[in-house]
């Protein structure tokens, strides 16, 4: 079975939010651990500066990743993420089509992981590249369920 979707263009704000939340789920424990260790330093050398340093460090970490994802939306290399595509999804590949004659195949083994939100699928190629498939671009509910079953069979979602 091949699922053919409607045309869809990823919004830059949606991209930033999805990518930022994804990186926090993956690496959120790192800044939390560093902030916790800095706060523990208060035990050996009592000073309010340990807490201030933990908050500033946490803020800088979040700002770093936000700027990274915002930068992708501004660069020429990232413009392809925000073009209007239609998708043909099968159990072998995802075909991203700009128009009926031009497209790019993407094998399922290139997808690192996926998530199913309340109104979308998010397929992550790497930290900065993702494919956002809102449920509204599918023609029927059965097509959406088929894509969900492919994601589960490929081990991309649990």
N, C-alpha and C. Protein backbone atom coordinates (compact mmCIF):
# COMPACT_ATOMS: atom_id res chain seq x y z
N UNK A 1 0.85 -1.19 0.00
CA UNK A 1 0.00 0.00 0.00
C UNK A 1 0.89 1.24 0.00
N UNK A 2 0.50 2.21 -0.79
CA UNK A 2 1.21 3.49 -0.84
C UNK A 2 0.24 4.58 -0.39
N UNK A 3 0.69 5.36 0.59
CA UNK A 3 -0.10 6.47 1.11
C UNK A 3 0.35 7.73 0.41
N UNK A 4 -0.58 8.41 -0.25
CA UNK A 4 -0.29 9.68 -0.92
C UNK A 4 -0.95 10.79 -0.12
N UNK A 5 -0.14 11.76 0.29
CA UNK A 5 -0.65 12.84 1.13
C UNK A 5 -0.93 14.10 0.31
N UNK A 6 -1.58 15.03 0.95
CA UNK A 6 -1.79 16.35 0.36
C UNK A 6 -0.48 17.14 0.47
N UNK A 7 -0.38 18.24 -0.24
CA UNK A 7 0.79 19.10 -0.14
C UNK A 7 0.85 19.73 1.24
N UNK A 8 2.08 19.87 1.74
CA UNK A 8 2.25 20.45 3.07
C UNK A 8 3.59 21.17 3.13
N UNK A 9 3.59 22.34 3.76
CA UNK A 9 4.80 23.13 3.96
C UNK A 9 5.02 23.27 5.46
N UNK A 10 6.19 22.87 5.93
CA UNK A 10 6.54 22.97 7.35
C UNK A 10 6.74 24.42 7.73
N UNK A 11 6.03 24.85 8.74
CA UNK A 11 6.16 26.20 9.27
C UNK A 11 7.45 26.31 10.08
N UNK A 12 8.14 27.42 9.99
CA UNK A 12 9.42 27.59 10.70
C UNK A 12 9.24 27.55 12.21
N UNK A 13 8.17 28.13 12.71
CA UNK A 13 7.93 28.12 14.15
C UNK A 13 7.66 26.69 14.64
N UNK A 14 6.91 25.92 13.87
CA UNK A 14 6.65 24.52 14.22
C UNK A 14 7.94 23.73 14.24
N UNK A 15 8.80 23.98 13.25
CA UNK A 15 10.09 23.29 13.20
C UNK A 15 10.91 23.59 14.45
N UNK A 16 11.03 24.86 14.80
CA UNK A 16 11.84 25.24 15.97
C UNK A 16 11.28 24.57 17.22
N UNK A 17 9.97 24.60 17.40
CA UNK A 17 9.38 23.99 18.59
C UNK A 17 9.61 22.48 18.65
N UNK A 18 9.40 21.79 17.53
CA UNK A 18 9.58 20.33 17.52
C UNK A 18 11.04 19.95 17.75
N UNK A 19 11.96 20.63 17.08
CA UNK A 19 13.37 20.30 17.22
C UNK A 19 13.88 20.63 18.62
N UNK A 20 13.44 21.75 19.18
CA UNK A 20 13.86 22.16 20.51
C UNK A 20 13.36 21.18 21.57
N UNK A 21 12.10 20.78 21.47
CA UNK A 21 11.55 19.80 22.41
C UNK A 21 12.25 18.46 22.27
N UNK A 22 12.58 18.09 21.05
CA UNK A 22 13.26 16.82 20.81
C UNK A 22 14.64 16.80 21.47
N UNK A 23 15.40 17.87 21.31
CA UNK A 23 16.74 17.89 21.88
C UNK A 23 16.67 17.93 23.40
N UNK A 24 15.66 18.57 23.95
CA UNK A 24 15.51 18.58 25.41
C UNK A 24 15.15 17.20 25.93
N UNK A 25 14.33 16.45 25.19
CA UNK A 25 14.01 15.08 25.61
C UNK A 25 15.25 14.18 25.55
N UNK A 26 16.08 14.40 24.53
CA UNK A 26 17.27 13.57 24.36
C UNK A 26 18.37 13.94 25.34
N UNK A 27 18.64 15.23 25.47
CA UNK A 27 19.81 15.68 26.22
C UNK A 27 19.46 16.55 27.42
N UNK A 28 18.22 16.57 27.82
CA UNK A 28 17.81 17.44 28.93
C UNK A 28 18.44 17.09 30.25
N UNK A 29 18.87 15.86 30.41
CA UNK A 29 19.48 15.45 31.67
C UNK A 29 20.86 16.07 31.84
N UNK A 30 21.54 16.42 30.77
CA UNK A 30 22.90 16.96 30.86
C UNK A 30 22.92 18.31 31.59
N UNK A 31 22.17 19.31 31.13
CA UNK A 31 22.22 20.59 31.85
C UNK A 31 21.62 20.48 33.25
N UNK A 32 20.64 19.58 33.42
CA UNK A 32 20.07 19.41 34.75
C UNK A 32 21.11 18.85 35.71
N UNK A 33 21.90 17.90 35.25
CA UNK A 33 22.95 17.32 36.08
C UNK A 33 24.03 18.36 36.42
N UNK A 34 24.43 19.14 35.43
CA UNK A 34 25.45 20.18 35.67
C UNK A 34 24.92 21.22 36.66
N UNK A 35 23.68 21.64 36.49
CA UNK A 35 23.10 22.62 37.42
C UNK A 35 23.01 22.04 38.83
N UNK A 36 22.64 20.76 38.94
CA UNK A 36 22.55 20.11 40.25
C UNK A 36 23.92 20.04 40.93
N UNK A 37 24.95 19.69 40.17
CA UNK A 37 26.31 19.61 40.72
C UNK A 37 26.78 20.99 41.16
N UNK A 38 26.49 22.01 40.38
CA UNK A 38 26.87 23.37 40.78
C UNK A 38 26.15 23.78 42.07
N UNK A 39 24.89 23.40 42.19
CA UNK A 39 24.16 23.73 43.42
C UNK A 39 24.71 22.95 44.62
N UNK A 40 25.20 21.74 44.39
CA UNK A 40 25.81 20.96 45.47
C UNK A 40 27.12 21.57 45.96
N UNK A 41 27.77 22.33 45.12
CA UNK A 41 29.02 22.99 45.52
C UNK A 41 28.79 23.95 46.70
N UNK A 42 27.55 24.33 46.90
CA UNK A 42 27.19 25.20 48.03
C UNK A 42 27.56 24.55 49.36
N UNK A 43 27.55 23.23 49.41
CA UNK A 43 27.86 22.51 50.65
C UNK A 43 29.31 22.76 51.07
N UNK A 44 30.25 22.79 50.11
CA UNK A 44 31.66 22.96 50.44
C UNK A 44 32.05 24.43 50.55
N UNK A 45 31.52 25.25 49.68
CA UNK A 45 31.83 26.67 49.70
C UNK A 45 30.50 27.43 49.64
N UNK A 46 29.92 27.78 50.80
CA UNK A 46 28.62 28.44 50.79
C UNK A 46 28.68 29.83 50.11
N UNK A 47 27.96 29.92 49.01
CA UNK A 47 27.86 31.18 48.29
C UNK A 47 26.64 31.11 47.37
N UNK A 48 25.96 32.21 47.26
CA UNK A 48 24.79 32.28 46.40
C UNK A 48 25.19 32.18 44.93
N UNK A 49 26.46 32.43 44.62
CA UNK A 49 26.93 32.43 43.25
C UNK A 49 26.85 31.05 42.60
N UNK A 50 26.87 29.99 43.38
CA UNK A 50 26.69 28.65 42.81
C UNK A 50 25.31 28.51 42.17
N UNK A 51 24.31 29.03 42.85
CA UNK A 51 22.94 28.96 42.32
C UNK A 51 22.77 29.87 41.10
N UNK A 52 23.36 31.05 41.19
CA UNK A 52 23.30 31.98 40.06
C UNK A 52 24.01 31.37 38.85
N UNK A 53 25.18 30.76 39.08
CA UNK A 53 25.92 30.12 38.00
C UNK A 53 25.14 28.97 37.38
N UNK A 54 24.42 28.20 38.21
CA UNK A 54 23.61 27.09 37.70
C UNK A 54 22.48 27.61 36.81
N UNK A 55 21.83 28.67 37.23
CA UNK A 55 20.73 29.24 36.44
C UNK A 55 21.25 29.84 35.14
N UNK A 56 22.35 30.57 35.22
CA UNK A 56 22.93 31.18 34.02
C UNK A 56 23.40 30.10 33.05
N UNK A 57 24.05 29.06 33.55
CA UNK A 57 24.51 27.97 32.69
C UNK A 57 23.36 27.26 32.01
N UNK A 58 22.29 27.01 32.76
CA UNK A 58 21.10 26.37 32.19
C UNK A 58 20.48 27.26 31.12
N UNK A 59 20.41 28.54 31.39
CA UNK A 59 19.86 29.48 30.41
C UNK A 59 20.71 29.55 29.14
N UNK A 60 22.03 29.54 29.29
CA UNK A 60 22.91 29.57 28.13
C UNK A 60 22.80 28.29 27.30
N UNK A 61 22.64 27.16 27.94
CA UNK A 61 22.46 25.90 27.23
C UNK A 61 21.18 25.93 26.39
N UNK A 62 20.10 26.38 26.99
CA UNK A 62 18.82 26.47 26.26
C UNK A 62 18.91 27.48 25.13
N UNK A 63 19.56 28.60 25.38
CA UNK A 63 19.73 29.62 24.35
C UNK A 63 20.58 29.11 23.19
N UNK A 64 21.62 28.34 23.48
CA UNK A 64 22.48 27.77 22.44
C UNK A 64 21.65 26.93 21.47
N UNK A 65 20.84 25.99 21.98
CA UNK A 65 20.07 25.12 21.11
C UNK A 65 18.98 25.87 20.38
N UNK A 66 18.35 26.85 21.03
CA UNK A 66 17.32 27.63 20.36
C UNK A 66 17.93 28.40 19.18
N UNK A 67 19.10 28.98 19.38
CA UNK A 67 19.77 29.72 18.31
C UNK A 67 20.15 28.78 17.17
N UNK A 68 20.59 27.56 17.50
CA UNK A 68 20.94 26.59 16.47
C UNK A 68 19.75 26.31 15.56
N UNK A 69 18.60 26.03 16.16
CA UNK A 69 17.43 25.68 15.36
C UNK A 69 16.85 26.89 14.65
N UNK A 70 16.92 28.05 15.26
CA UNK A 70 16.48 29.26 14.58
C UNK A 70 17.38 29.54 13.39
N UNK A 71 18.69 29.29 13.53
CA UNK A 71 19.64 29.51 12.45
C UNK A 71 19.37 28.63 11.24
N UNK A 72 18.91 27.39 11.48
CA UNK A 72 18.60 26.50 10.36
C UNK A 72 17.50 27.11 9.49
N UNK A 73 16.57 27.82 10.10
CA UNK A 73 15.47 28.41 9.33
C UNK A 73 15.94 29.58 8.48
N UNK A 74 17.09 30.16 8.81
CA UNK A 74 17.57 31.34 8.09
C UNK A 74 18.59 31.01 7.00
N UNK A 75 19.23 29.85 7.07
CA UNK A 75 20.29 29.50 6.13
C UNK A 75 19.74 28.96 4.81
N UNK A 76 20.51 29.14 3.75
CA UNK A 76 20.12 28.60 2.45
C UNK A 76 20.09 27.08 2.46
N UNK A 77 21.00 26.45 3.21
CA UNK A 77 21.04 24.99 3.25
C UNK A 77 19.78 24.40 3.88
N UNK A 78 19.13 25.14 4.74
CA UNK A 78 17.94 24.66 5.42
C UNK A 78 16.64 24.96 4.71
N UNK A 79 16.70 25.68 3.60
CA UNK A 79 15.47 26.08 2.89
C UNK A 79 14.67 24.89 2.39
N UNK A 80 15.37 23.78 2.07
CA UNK A 80 14.66 22.62 1.55
C UNK A 80 13.67 22.05 2.59
N UNK A 81 13.99 22.20 3.85
CA UNK A 81 13.08 21.71 4.90
C UNK A 81 11.73 22.41 4.87
N UNK A 82 11.71 23.63 4.36
CA UNK A 82 10.51 24.46 4.45
C UNK A 82 9.81 24.66 3.11
N UNK A 83 10.10 23.78 2.14
CA UNK A 83 9.39 23.83 0.87
C UNK A 83 8.11 23.01 0.97
N UNK A 84 7.23 23.24 0.02
CA UNK A 84 5.96 22.52 -0.02
C UNK A 84 6.17 21.15 -0.67
N UNK A 85 5.84 20.09 0.07
CA UNK A 85 6.00 18.73 -0.41
C UNK A 85 4.69 17.98 -0.33
N UNK A 86 4.56 16.98 -1.20
CA UNK A 86 3.57 15.93 -0.99
C UNK A 86 4.39 14.67 -0.76
N UNK A 87 3.85 13.74 -0.03
CA UNK A 87 4.59 12.54 0.35
C UNK A 87 3.89 11.30 -0.18
N UNK A 88 4.70 10.34 -0.60
CA UNK A 88 4.21 9.01 -0.92
C UNK A 88 4.93 8.06 0.02
N UNK A 89 4.18 7.49 0.94
CA UNK A 89 4.77 6.67 1.99
C UNK A 89 4.41 5.21 1.75
N UNK A 90 5.44 4.36 1.71
CA UNK A 90 5.24 2.92 1.61
C UNK A 90 6.10 2.26 2.68
N UNK A 91 6.03 0.96 2.76
CA UNK A 91 6.82 0.26 3.77
C UNK A 91 8.30 0.22 3.40
N UNK A 92 8.67 0.58 2.16
CA UNK A 92 10.08 0.60 1.76
C UNK A 92 10.72 1.98 1.92
N UNK A 93 9.95 3.04 1.63
CA UNK A 93 10.54 4.37 1.61
C UNK A 93 9.49 5.45 1.76
N UNK A 94 10.00 6.67 1.92
CA UNK A 94 9.18 7.87 1.87
C UNK A 94 9.66 8.65 0.65
N UNK A 95 8.75 8.98 -0.22
CA UNK A 95 9.09 9.76 -1.41
C UNK A 95 8.57 11.18 -1.19
N UNK A 96 9.49 12.12 -1.09
CA UNK A 96 9.14 13.53 -0.90
C UNK A 96 9.09 14.18 -2.28
N UNK A 97 7.89 14.62 -2.67
CA UNK A 97 7.71 15.15 -4.03
C UNK A 97 7.44 16.65 -4.00
N UNK A 98 8.27 17.37 -4.75
CA UNK A 98 8.07 18.81 -4.90
C UNK A 98 6.95 19.06 -5.90
N UNK A 99 6.94 18.28 -6.98
CA UNK A 99 5.89 18.32 -7.98
C UNK A 99 5.73 16.89 -8.51
N UNK A 100 4.79 16.63 -9.40
CA UNK A 100 4.57 15.24 -9.84
C UNK A 100 5.79 14.57 -10.51
N UNK A 101 6.75 15.37 -11.01
CA UNK A 101 7.89 14.77 -11.69
C UNK A 101 9.17 14.78 -10.88
N UNK A 102 9.26 15.63 -9.87
CA UNK A 102 10.48 15.75 -9.07
C UNK A 102 10.24 15.29 -7.65
N UNK A 103 11.14 14.42 -7.17
CA UNK A 103 11.01 13.95 -5.81
C UNK A 103 12.32 13.37 -5.30
N UNK A 104 12.36 13.13 -4.01
CA UNK A 104 13.54 12.58 -3.39
C UNK A 104 13.13 11.40 -2.51
N UNK A 105 13.68 10.21 -2.76
CA UNK A 105 13.34 9.09 -1.91
C UNK A 105 14.15 9.13 -0.61
N UNK A 106 13.53 8.69 0.45
CA UNK A 106 14.17 8.62 1.76
C UNK A 106 13.86 7.23 2.33
N UNK A 107 14.90 6.41 2.45
CA UNK A 107 14.72 5.06 2.97
C UNK A 107 14.43 5.12 4.47
N UNK A 108 13.72 4.12 4.95
CA UNK A 108 13.35 4.11 6.37
C UNK A 108 14.56 3.98 7.28
N UNK A 109 15.66 3.39 6.80
CA UNK A 109 16.83 3.26 7.66
C UNK A 109 17.56 4.59 7.85
N UNK A 110 17.20 5.62 7.08
CA UNK A 110 17.76 6.95 7.28
C UNK A 110 17.06 7.70 8.41
N UNK A 111 15.89 7.23 8.79
CA UNK A 111 15.14 7.85 9.89
C UNK A 111 15.69 7.29 11.20
N UNK A 112 16.18 8.16 12.07
CA UNK A 112 16.78 7.73 13.34
C UNK A 112 15.71 7.35 14.37
N UNK A 113 14.67 8.16 14.43
CA UNK A 113 13.58 7.91 15.37
C UNK A 113 12.35 8.70 14.94
N UNK A 114 11.26 8.40 15.58
CA UNK A 114 10.00 9.08 15.23
C UNK A 114 9.20 9.28 16.51
N UNK A 115 8.27 10.18 16.44
CA UNK A 115 7.34 10.37 17.55
C UNK A 115 5.95 10.62 16.97
N UNK A 116 4.98 10.21 17.74
CA UNK A 116 3.58 10.42 17.35
C UNK A 116 2.98 11.38 18.36
N UNK A 117 2.60 12.56 17.90
CA UNK A 117 1.97 13.55 18.76
C UNK A 117 0.46 13.42 18.69
N UNK A 118 -0.22 14.32 19.35
CA UNK A 118 -1.68 14.24 19.35
C UNK A 118 -2.28 14.58 17.99
N UNK A 119 -1.52 15.31 17.14
CA UNK A 119 -2.04 15.67 15.82
C UNK A 119 -1.01 15.57 14.71
N UNK A 120 0.10 14.83 14.95
CA UNK A 120 1.15 14.75 13.93
C UNK A 120 2.07 13.55 14.14
N UNK A 121 2.82 13.25 13.08
CA UNK A 121 3.97 12.36 13.14
C UNK A 121 5.20 13.25 12.96
N UNK A 122 6.25 12.97 13.71
CA UNK A 122 7.53 13.66 13.52
C UNK A 122 8.59 12.61 13.30
N UNK A 123 9.23 12.67 12.14
CA UNK A 123 10.28 11.72 11.77
C UNK A 123 11.61 12.47 11.81
N UNK A 124 12.55 12.00 12.61
CA UNK A 124 13.82 12.70 12.80
C UNK A 124 14.93 12.01 12.01
N UNK A 125 15.50 12.75 11.04
CA UNK A 125 16.61 12.24 10.25
C UNK A 125 17.91 12.42 11.04
N UNK A 126 18.07 13.56 11.68
CA UNK A 126 19.17 13.83 12.61
C UNK A 126 18.69 14.94 13.55
N UNK A 127 19.61 15.54 14.29
CA UNK A 127 19.19 16.56 15.27
C UNK A 127 18.53 17.76 14.62
N UNK A 128 18.97 18.12 13.42
CA UNK A 128 18.48 19.34 12.79
C UNK A 128 17.48 19.11 11.67
N UNK A 129 17.34 17.89 11.18
CA UNK A 129 16.43 17.63 10.07
C UNK A 129 15.29 16.75 10.55
N UNK A 130 14.09 17.17 10.21
CA UNK A 130 12.92 16.37 10.57
C UNK A 130 11.85 16.50 9.51
N UNK A 131 10.97 15.51 9.51
CA UNK A 131 9.82 15.52 8.61
C UNK A 131 8.59 15.58 9.51
N UNK A 132 7.80 16.60 9.33
CA UNK A 132 6.59 16.79 10.13
C UNK A 132 5.39 16.43 9.26
N UNK A 133 4.63 15.45 9.71
CA UNK A 133 3.45 15.01 8.96
C UNK A 133 2.21 15.19 9.84
N UNK A 134 1.53 16.33 9.71
CA UNK A 134 0.30 16.50 10.49
C UNK A 134 -0.78 15.56 9.97
N UNK A 135 -1.66 15.16 10.85
CA UNK A 135 -2.72 14.22 10.48
C UNK A 135 -3.63 14.78 9.39
N UNK A 136 -3.73 16.11 9.30
CA UNK A 136 -4.65 16.71 8.32
C UNK A 136 -4.23 16.50 6.87
N UNK A 137 -2.97 16.11 6.63
CA UNK A 137 -2.54 15.91 5.24
C UNK A 137 -2.88 14.52 4.72
N UNK A 138 -3.32 13.63 5.60
CA UNK A 138 -3.72 12.29 5.15
C UNK A 138 -5.16 12.34 4.67
N UNK A 139 -5.45 11.57 3.63
CA UNK A 139 -6.78 11.58 3.04
C UNK A 139 -7.80 10.82 3.87
N UNK A 140 -7.39 9.72 4.50
CA UNK A 140 -8.31 8.94 5.32
C UNK A 140 -7.64 8.58 6.64
N UNK A 141 -8.46 8.16 7.57
CA UNK A 141 -7.95 7.72 8.87
C UNK A 141 -7.16 6.42 8.73
N UNK A 142 -7.53 5.58 7.78
CA UNK A 142 -6.81 4.32 7.56
C UNK A 142 -5.37 4.57 7.09
N UNK A 143 -5.16 5.60 6.30
CA UNK A 143 -3.81 5.93 5.85
C UNK A 143 -2.94 6.33 7.04
N UNK A 144 -3.51 7.11 7.93
CA UNK A 144 -2.77 7.54 9.13
C UNK A 144 -2.42 6.33 9.99
N UNK A 145 -3.37 5.41 10.14
CA UNK A 145 -3.11 4.20 10.92
C UNK A 145 -2.05 3.32 10.26
N UNK A 146 -2.05 3.28 8.92
CA UNK A 146 -1.05 2.51 8.20
C UNK A 146 0.35 3.07 8.46
N UNK A 147 0.49 4.39 8.42
CA UNK A 147 1.79 5.01 8.69
C UNK A 147 2.22 4.73 10.13
N UNK A 148 1.28 4.79 11.06
CA UNK A 148 1.60 4.48 12.46
C UNK A 148 2.07 3.03 12.60
N UNK A 149 1.45 2.11 11.87
CA UNK A 149 1.87 0.71 11.94
C UNK A 149 3.25 0.52 11.32
N UNK A 150 3.56 1.26 10.25
CA UNK A 150 4.91 1.18 9.67
C UNK A 150 5.94 1.64 10.69
N UNK A 151 5.66 2.76 11.36
CA UNK A 151 6.59 3.28 12.36
C UNK A 151 6.83 2.28 13.49
N UNK A 152 5.77 1.61 13.90
CA UNK A 152 5.92 0.61 14.96
C UNK A 152 6.67 -0.62 14.46
N UNK A 153 6.39 -1.08 13.25
CA UNK A 153 7.08 -2.23 12.69
C UNK A 153 8.57 -1.97 12.46
N UNK A 154 8.91 -0.76 12.11
CA UNK A 154 10.31 -0.41 11.88
C UNK A 154 11.05 -0.14 13.20
N UNK A 155 10.32 -0.10 14.30
CA UNK A 155 10.93 0.13 15.61
C UNK A 155 11.29 1.58 15.88
N UNK A 156 10.65 2.50 15.17
CA UNK A 156 10.93 3.92 15.36
C UNK A 156 10.15 4.53 16.51
N UNK A 157 9.01 3.96 16.84
CA UNK A 157 8.23 4.37 18.01
C UNK A 157 7.89 3.13 18.82
N UNK A 158 7.57 3.36 20.06
CA UNK A 158 7.22 2.24 20.92
C UNK A 158 5.77 2.23 21.25
